[in-house]
C-alpha cells in the first residue's frame, strides 16, 4: 500500500471510530438526562413499555457502535506502535512501556474505554432490564404497539409469556427493524 492510501485509510478509521464513539456516548447521555426522568414520571403501565422499547432499540445499536469504535481504536493503536528499532531498551517491560506512551497508548486507552460499556451493560443493565421486561410481560405489556397486536393473535393459540432473552432476541415477535410503531 502506498503512503497516501495508508494515510487516507488511517484518517477514515480515525474519523469513524471517534465519531461513532462520540455519537454513541452522546446518545446514551441524552437518554439518561432527558428520557429517564420522563419515563420515571409516568405510571408503571406506561413506564414499563417505554423502558422496554428503549432497551430493545438500544440493545441493537449501542453494542454494534461500541464494537466498531473499539476495533477501529485497536487498529489505530497497532498502526501507531513504534518500530522495534526505536525501542530504547531490549527488556520486554521497557518495550511495553515505550509502546504505551504516545499515540499508540492513547488509542489503546480509547479502545479500552469504548469497550468498557460491555461489562457495565452485562452486569448492571441487563439484569435490571430483564427484570423490567419480565414484569412488563407478566402484566400483559409488549415491546411496541405492533408487537402487542401480533401478541393478541398468538395468545388465542395457547402460546405463553416469553422470557426476557426471547423478548430481546425478538423470538416470536414482529421484526424490530420494520416495526416503527411507538411503545
Foldseek 3Di string as FASTA:
>chain_A
DDPVVVVVVLVVLVCLLVVLLVVLVVVVVCCVPPVVVVLVVDPLLRNLLQLLLVCLVCVPRLVVSLVSNLVSLQVQLVVPFDDPVPQPDPDPVSSVVNSLPDSSVVSNVSSVVSVVVVVCCVPPVVVVNQVSVVVCQVVLHANFPQQSVQVVVCVVVVDHGDGSVCRSVQPSTDDPVPDPGGD
